[in-house]
Protein backbone atom coordinates (compact mmCIF):
# COMPACT_ATOMS: atom_id res chain seq x y z
CA MET A 1 -139.86 82.00 -81.10
CA VAL A 2 -136.95 79.88 -82.35
CA VAL A 3 -137.72 77.95 -85.52
CA PRO A 4 -135.69 74.73 -85.82
CA ILE A 5 -133.67 74.40 -89.00
CA PRO A 6 -134.72 71.69 -91.44
CA GLN A 7 -132.77 68.45 -91.26
CA LEU A 8 -132.22 66.25 -94.30
CA ILE A 9 -130.18 63.13 -95.06
CA VAL A 10 -128.98 62.60 -98.63
CA VAL A 11 -127.86 59.11 -99.60
CA GLY A 12 -125.96 58.41 -102.80
CA LEU A 13 -126.39 54.92 -104.23
CA GLY A 14 -123.47 53.23 -105.92
CA ASN A 15 -120.68 50.75 -105.49
CA LEU A 16 -117.61 52.15 -103.70
CA PRO A 17 -115.27 49.68 -105.47
CA TYR A 18 -116.53 50.98 -108.85
CA PRO A 19 -116.36 54.78 -108.71
CA MET A 20 -117.11 56.93 -111.74
CA THR A 21 -119.42 54.33 -113.29
CA ARG A 22 -122.99 55.12 -114.29
CA HIS A 23 -124.20 52.76 -111.56
CA SER A 24 -122.32 54.81 -108.92
CA ILE A 25 -123.60 58.21 -110.03
CA GLY A 26 -125.44 58.70 -106.72
CA GLN A 27 -122.17 58.43 -104.80
CA LEU A 28 -120.43 60.75 -107.27
CA ILE A 29 -123.16 63.34 -106.68
CA VAL A 30 -122.81 63.00 -102.88
CA ASP A 31 -119.07 63.60 -103.27
CA SER A 32 -119.80 66.70 -105.36
CA LEU A 33 -122.27 67.95 -102.74
CA ALA A 34 -119.69 67.41 -99.97
CA TYR A 35 -117.06 69.33 -101.91
CA ARG A 36 -119.37 72.20 -102.92
CA LEU A 37 -120.86 72.62 -99.43
CA GLY A 38 -117.64 72.01 -97.49
CA ILE A 39 -118.92 68.92 -95.68
CA HIS A 40 -116.10 66.69 -94.41
CA MET A 41 -116.79 63.01 -95.12
CA SER A 42 -115.43 60.33 -92.75
CA PRO A 43 -115.51 56.54 -93.08
CA ASP A 44 -116.99 54.20 -90.47
CA ARG A 45 -118.02 50.54 -90.49
CA ALA A 46 -121.21 51.07 -92.49
CA GLY A 47 -120.15 53.74 -94.94
CA VAL A 48 -118.82 57.23 -95.48
CA SER A 49 -120.74 60.15 -94.03
CA GLY A 50 -120.59 63.79 -93.10
CA GLN A 51 -122.90 66.33 -91.50
CA ALA A 52 -122.94 70.13 -91.33
CA ASN A 53 -125.24 73.09 -91.12
CA VAL A 54 -125.17 74.62 -94.59
CA THR A 55 -127.01 77.28 -96.55
CA VAL A 56 -128.47 76.11 -99.85
CA GLY A 57 -129.93 78.99 -101.83
CA ASP A 58 -131.51 81.08 -99.09
CA THR A 59 -132.22 78.17 -96.74
CA LEU A 60 -130.16 77.18 -93.71
CA MET A 61 -130.37 73.45 -93.04
CA SER A 62 -128.68 70.56 -91.30
CA LEU A 63 -127.51 68.24 -94.04
CA THR A 64 -126.18 64.70 -93.57
CA LEU A 65 -124.55 62.96 -96.53
CA PHE A 66 -124.09 59.17 -96.63
CA LYS A 67 -122.59 56.54 -98.96
CA SER A 68 -122.89 52.87 -98.02
CA LYS A 69 -119.84 50.59 -98.15
CA SER A 70 -122.14 47.71 -99.15
CA LEU A 71 -122.68 47.01 -102.81
CA MET A 72 -125.71 48.91 -104.08
CA ASN A 73 -128.12 45.99 -104.41
CA ILE A 74 -127.62 45.05 -100.73
CA SER A 75 -127.06 48.54 -99.31
CA GLY A 76 -130.53 48.85 -97.76
CA PRO A 77 -129.65 47.66 -94.23
CA SER A 78 -126.73 50.10 -93.82
CA ILE A 79 -128.76 52.97 -95.29
CA ALA A 80 -131.76 52.16 -93.07
CA ALA A 81 -129.47 52.06 -90.00
CA ALA A 82 -127.93 55.44 -90.89
CA PHE A 83 -131.38 56.91 -91.49
CA ARG A 84 -132.82 55.54 -88.23
CA GLN A 85 -129.97 57.16 -86.27
CA THR A 86 -131.21 60.57 -87.43
CA ARG A 87 -134.72 59.95 -86.00
CA LEU A 88 -136.13 62.05 -88.83
CA PRO A 89 -139.41 61.51 -90.69
CA PRO A 90 -139.23 59.60 -94.00
CA THR A 91 -139.73 62.82 -96.01
CA SER A 92 -136.30 63.94 -94.72
CA LEU A 93 -134.60 61.10 -96.62
CA ILE A 94 -133.37 61.75 -100.17
CA VAL A 95 -131.92 58.83 -102.14
CA ILE A 96 -129.95 59.62 -105.31
CA SER A 97 -129.69 56.78 -107.82
CA ASP A 98 -129.00 56.11 -111.48
CA SER A 99 -131.93 55.74 -113.85
CA LEU A 100 -131.83 53.89 -117.16
CA SER A 101 -135.37 55.18 -117.84
CA HIS A 102 -134.34 58.84 -117.95
CA LYS A 103 -132.31 60.65 -120.59
CA VAL A 104 -128.63 61.31 -119.87
CA GLU A 105 -128.08 64.42 -117.75
CA THR A 106 -131.66 64.76 -116.52
CA LEU A 107 -133.04 64.66 -113.01
CA SER A 108 -136.39 63.20 -111.95
CA VAL A 109 -137.63 63.88 -108.42
CA LYS A 110 -140.39 61.83 -106.86
CA LEU A 111 -141.74 61.42 -103.33
CA GLY A 112 -142.59 57.80 -102.52
CA GLY A 113 -143.70 55.11 -104.91
CA SER A 114 -142.27 51.85 -106.09
CA ALA A 115 -138.64 50.90 -106.65
CA ASN A 116 -139.34 51.10 -110.40
CA GLY A 117 -137.16 48.02 -110.92
CA HIS A 118 -134.10 49.53 -109.20
CA ASN A 119 -132.51 46.90 -106.93
CA GLY A 120 -130.81 49.48 -104.70
CA ILE A 121 -134.15 51.19 -104.00
CA LYS A 122 -135.77 47.76 -103.48
CA SER A 123 -133.11 46.97 -100.85
CA ILE A 124 -133.78 50.26 -99.02
CA ILE A 125 -137.56 49.77 -99.06
CA SER A 126 -137.14 46.22 -97.74
CA ALA A 127 -134.73 47.32 -94.98
CA LEU A 128 -137.08 50.10 -93.88
CA GLY A 129 -139.93 47.59 -93.62
CA GLY A 130 -141.90 48.82 -96.62
CA GLU A 131 -142.38 51.95 -98.69
CA MET A 132 -141.85 54.85 -96.30
CA GLY A 133 -142.42 57.90 -98.50
CA PHE A 134 -138.84 59.08 -99.00
CA TYR A 135 -137.62 61.18 -101.92
CA ARG A 136 -136.07 59.55 -104.97
CA PHE A 137 -133.71 61.66 -107.08
CA ARG A 138 -133.21 59.70 -110.29
CA ALA A 139 -130.16 60.84 -112.23
CA GLY A 140 -130.68 59.98 -115.88
CA ILE A 141 -127.98 57.82 -117.43
CA GLY A 142 -129.95 56.78 -120.53
CA ARG A 143 -129.12 53.48 -122.15
CA ASP A 144 -127.77 52.04 -125.35
CA GLU A 145 -128.26 48.76 -127.21
CA SER A 146 -125.91 46.79 -124.92
CA ASP A 147 -126.90 44.68 -121.95
CA ALA A 148 -128.12 46.92 -119.10
CA ALA A 149 -125.68 45.39 -116.57
CA THR A 150 -122.74 46.08 -118.89
CA TYR A 151 -123.95 49.61 -119.66
CA VAL A 152 -124.36 50.74 -116.04
CA MET A 153 -120.86 49.52 -115.13
CA ARG A 154 -119.19 51.64 -117.83
CA LYS A 155 -117.33 54.76 -116.78
CA LEU A 156 -119.17 58.06 -117.04
CA SER A 157 -117.94 60.27 -119.87
CA SER A 158 -115.99 63.39 -118.92
CA HIS A 159 -119.00 65.41 -120.14
CA GLU A 160 -121.38 63.50 -117.81
CA ARG A 161 -119.02 63.94 -114.83
CA GLN A 162 -118.73 67.66 -115.58
CA PHE A 163 -122.52 67.98 -115.81
CA TRP A 164 -123.08 66.43 -112.37
CA ASP A 165 -120.34 68.62 -110.89
CA ASP A 166 -121.89 71.77 -112.34
CA ARG A 167 -125.37 72.22 -113.87
CA GLY A 168 -126.68 68.88 -112.60
CA LEU A 169 -125.46 69.69 -109.10
CA GLU A 170 -127.33 73.01 -109.29
CA LEU A 171 -130.53 71.05 -110.13
CA ILE A 172 -129.91 68.77 -107.14
CA LEU A 173 -129.26 71.72 -104.80
CA SER A 174 -132.42 73.48 -105.99
CA GLU A 175 -134.52 70.38 -105.25
CA ILE A 176 -132.87 69.91 -101.84
CA GLU A 177 -133.71 73.53 -101.00
CA LYS A 178 -137.37 72.98 -102.00
CA ILE A 179 -137.60 69.92 -99.75
CA ALA A 180 -135.96 71.79 -96.83
CA ARG A 181 -138.43 74.64 -97.22
CA LYS A 182 -141.38 72.21 -97.23
CA SER A 183 -140.11 70.48 -94.10
CA SER A 184 -139.79 73.77 -92.21
CA SER A 185 -143.28 75.02 -93.02
């Protein structure tokens, strides 16, 4: 009996014109995943994507990575279109976003739920036609006393970038492997 390999799509939220900002941490993490896993990313009209069969931990999977060209708060339609092309169930979709509510250099993983005030997640939920039960990976960026809009548009520190290229990426990969294992059982 041939068991099909799990298929996942990982979307990184951010603003392509503003790389390396806290608000674009999802796209930075997708770039790090592509580099670490050897997935070639190519641009098209809607965004930048790549797909490959990769082994994460001990699990072989088909992994699609996607970054929308639309600004984050209106990226839902392009992300929904990319997701629908895969014809996968909602639990195969992982969206990585910044989170002001979580401490710097932490990761919170949740299946389903509300947008929790995040306009990028709101846009995706709206474009999908309602809450569909996809995974949210919230990368903690913390916050300071400044205006939230100003804070999220600041550049990540070299320490934060290093974390998401190294230990933080290991956390992400571990969670992706758990989801792939669940989807294959």
